[in-house]
Protein backbone atom coordinates (compact mmCIF):
# COMPACT_ATOMS: atom_id res chain seq x y z
CA MET A 1 54.62 171.49 9.44
CA THR A 2 53.39 174.87 10.57
CA GLU A 3 54.98 178.07 9.37
CA MET A 4 56.86 180.24 11.81
CA THR A 5 55.35 183.55 12.76
CA ASP A 6 57.31 186.79 12.50
CA ARG A 7 57.72 186.82 16.27
CA GLN A 8 59.16 183.27 16.24
CA ARG A 9 61.58 184.20 13.48
CA GLN A 10 62.75 187.24 15.42
CA ALA A 11 63.23 185.19 18.57
CA GLU A 12 65.18 182.54 16.66
CA ALA A 13 67.36 185.17 14.98
CA LEU A 14 68.08 186.80 18.35
CA ALA A 15 68.96 183.45 19.93
CA ASN A 16 71.15 182.44 16.99
CA ALA A 17 72.96 185.79 17.11
CA GLN A 18 74.24 184.78 20.55
CA ILE A 19 76.04 181.70 19.16
CA PRO A 20 79.61 182.59 18.06
CA GLY A 21 80.26 181.90 14.34
CA LEU A 22 76.70 180.87 13.55
CA ALA A 23 75.84 184.05 11.66
CA GLU A 24 78.86 183.64 9.39
CA ALA A 25 78.02 179.96 8.76
CA GLU A 26 74.41 180.82 7.94
CA ALA A 27 75.52 183.62 5.64
CA LYS A 28 77.89 181.24 3.81
CA ALA A 29 75.15 178.60 3.55
CA ALA A 30 72.80 181.21 2.07
CA VAL A 31 75.42 182.19 -0.53
CA ASP A 32 76.09 178.51 -1.37
CA THR A 33 72.36 177.88 -1.74
CA GLU A 34 71.98 180.96 -3.95
CA GLU A 35 74.88 179.80 -6.15
CA LYS A 36 73.23 176.40 -6.58
CA LYS A 37 69.96 178.07 -7.62
CA ARG A 38 71.70 180.30 -10.14
CA ASP A 39 70.72 179.73 -13.75
CA VAL A 40 73.28 178.41 -16.16
CA ILE A 41 73.85 180.73 -19.06
CA ASP A 42 73.50 178.90 -22.37
CA LEU A 43 75.94 180.30 -24.89
CA SER A 44 75.02 177.89 -27.69
CA GLY A 45 72.46 180.27 -29.14
CA ALA A 46 70.20 177.31 -29.92
CA PRO A 47 66.48 177.76 -29.41
CA VAL A 48 64.83 176.10 -26.42
CA GLU A 49 62.05 174.35 -28.35
CA PRO A 50 62.54 171.00 -30.14
CA PRO A 51 63.93 171.25 -33.68
CA THR A 52 61.58 171.26 -36.67
CA ASP A 53 61.90 168.72 -39.50
CA GLU A 54 63.60 171.35 -41.66
CA GLU A 55 66.06 172.11 -38.87
CA ILE A 56 66.79 168.43 -38.38
CA ALA A 57 67.62 168.10 -42.08
CA ARG A 58 69.94 171.13 -41.96
CA ILE A 59 71.58 170.03 -38.70
CA THR A 60 72.12 166.55 -40.17
CA GLU A 61 73.93 168.00 -43.20
CA ASP A 62 75.99 170.32 -41.00
CA VAL A 63 76.94 167.53 -38.57
CA ILE A 64 78.08 165.29 -41.43
CA ALA A 65 80.12 168.16 -42.86
CA GLN A 66 81.73 168.74 -39.46
CA LEU A 67 82.44 165.03 -38.92
CA LYS A 68 84.22 165.03 -42.28
CA THR A 69 86.70 167.58 -40.87
CA VAL A 70 87.94 165.09 -38.25
CA TYR A 71 90.70 162.75 -39.43
CA ASP A 72 92.35 159.72 -37.94
CA PRO A 73 95.99 160.90 -37.90
CA GLU A 74 97.24 157.49 -39.07
CA ILE A 75 94.83 157.24 -42.02
CA PRO A 76 94.40 160.09 -44.52
CA THR A 77 90.61 159.78 -44.58
CA ASP A 78 87.97 161.44 -42.42
CA ILE A 79 86.25 159.46 -39.66
CA TYR A 80 82.84 159.68 -41.33
CA GLU A 81 83.98 158.01 -44.55
CA LEU A 82 86.02 155.49 -42.54
CA GLY A 83 82.78 154.37 -40.89
CA LEU A 84 83.87 155.22 -37.37
CA ILE A 85 80.56 156.98 -36.63
CA TYR A 86 77.96 154.40 -35.62
CA LYS A 87 75.03 156.60 -34.61
CA VAL A 88 74.09 160.27 -34.27
CA GLU A 89 70.90 161.32 -32.47
CA LEU A 90 69.48 164.78 -31.90
CA GLU A 91 67.34 164.88 -28.76
CA ASP A 92 64.35 167.23 -28.31
CA ASP A 93 66.46 169.34 -25.92
CA ARG A 94 68.96 169.73 -28.83
CA THR A 95 71.60 167.49 -27.28
CA LEU A 96 73.53 165.77 -30.05
CA LYS A 97 74.59 162.24 -29.06
CA VAL A 98 77.33 160.67 -31.15
CA GLU A 99 78.26 157.00 -30.84
CA MET A 100 81.58 156.17 -32.44
CA THR A 101 84.43 153.71 -32.50
CA LEU A 102 88.08 153.59 -33.49
CA THR A 103 89.87 151.42 -36.03
CA ALA A 104 91.47 149.59 -33.10
CA PRO A 105 91.00 149.73 -29.30
CA GLY A 106 94.70 150.54 -28.88
CA CYS A 107 94.54 153.56 -31.17
CA PRO A 108 97.03 156.19 -29.93
CA VAL A 109 94.42 158.97 -30.17
CA ALA A 110 91.68 157.05 -28.33
CA GLY A 111 91.64 159.63 -25.55
CA GLU A 112 91.64 162.61 -27.89
CA MET A 113 89.36 161.62 -30.76
CA PRO A 114 86.04 161.98 -28.84
CA GLY A 115 87.07 165.52 -27.90
CA TRP A 116 87.80 166.32 -31.54
CA VAL A 117 84.36 165.03 -32.54
CA GLU A 118 82.68 167.01 -29.75
CA GLU A 119 84.47 170.22 -30.75
CA ALA A 120 83.63 169.73 -34.43
CA CYS A 121 79.91 169.14 -33.77
CA ALA A 122 79.54 171.81 -31.09
CA VAL A 123 79.76 174.59 -33.70
CA VAL A 124 76.67 173.38 -35.58
CA ALA A 125 73.89 175.96 -35.28
CA GLY A 126 70.90 174.61 -33.39
CA VAL A 127 72.87 172.17 -31.23
CA ARG A 128 72.99 173.00 -27.52
CA ARG A 129 75.31 170.27 -26.27
CA VAL A 130 77.32 167.38 -27.72
CA GLU A 131 77.92 164.06 -25.99
CA VAL A 132 80.32 161.56 -27.57
CA PHE A 133 80.24 157.90 -26.56
CA MET A 134 82.94 155.43 -27.51
CA THR A 135 82.08 151.79 -28.26
CA PHE A 136 83.91 148.78 -29.63
CA ASP A 137 80.78 146.68 -30.08
CA PRO A 138 80.55 145.82 -32.88
CA PRO A 139 84.24 146.11 -33.66
CA TRP A 140 85.16 148.24 -36.65
CA THR A 141 86.05 146.47 -39.87
CA MET A 142 87.05 147.75 -43.30
CA ASP A 143 83.56 146.81 -44.52
CA ARG A 144 82.27 149.94 -42.75
CA MET A 145 84.34 152.20 -45.02
CA SER A 146 82.56 154.09 -47.79
CA GLU A 147 83.46 153.56 -51.44
CA GLU A 148 85.00 157.05 -51.34
CA ALA A 149 87.33 156.06 -48.49
CA LYS A 150 88.30 152.80 -50.18
CA LEU A 151 89.06 154.67 -53.39
CA GLU A 152 91.09 157.28 -51.52
CA LEU A 153 93.11 154.54 -49.81
CA ASN A 154 93.54 152.53 -53.05
CA MET A 155 91.53 149.62 -51.71
CA LEU A 156 89.24 149.16 -54.73
């Protein structure tokens, strides 16, 4: 495809100016295109480069501490000690991916719990974004509970 010369551009602009409403439509399209090109401002404060081993260790400790602040409202034990967290991964782009479950698929807070986990983990320094995935495979059993949770719930 050949590039247009300045003279061709001027001729096209003059011709298009004769079409009612075209200038406004082109102006709106230009604004829409500019909005799509606009950079997203990252307010996480996390660096852009992949985390170092030391950072991963600190982030791991901080994530666990944050997960221990989230409780199942029906059970007086945090979700980490209950064994509801199946997997946590920190990607090179600093996205924290949390795979979790509930004690039962019909849990009344099933729609809210992932949001609680996301909010808790989002405050960890060095994490840019948190994604929480819910799974029921494998199903949760009491065997997943820590000794601390069993002791707290008088199950020992």
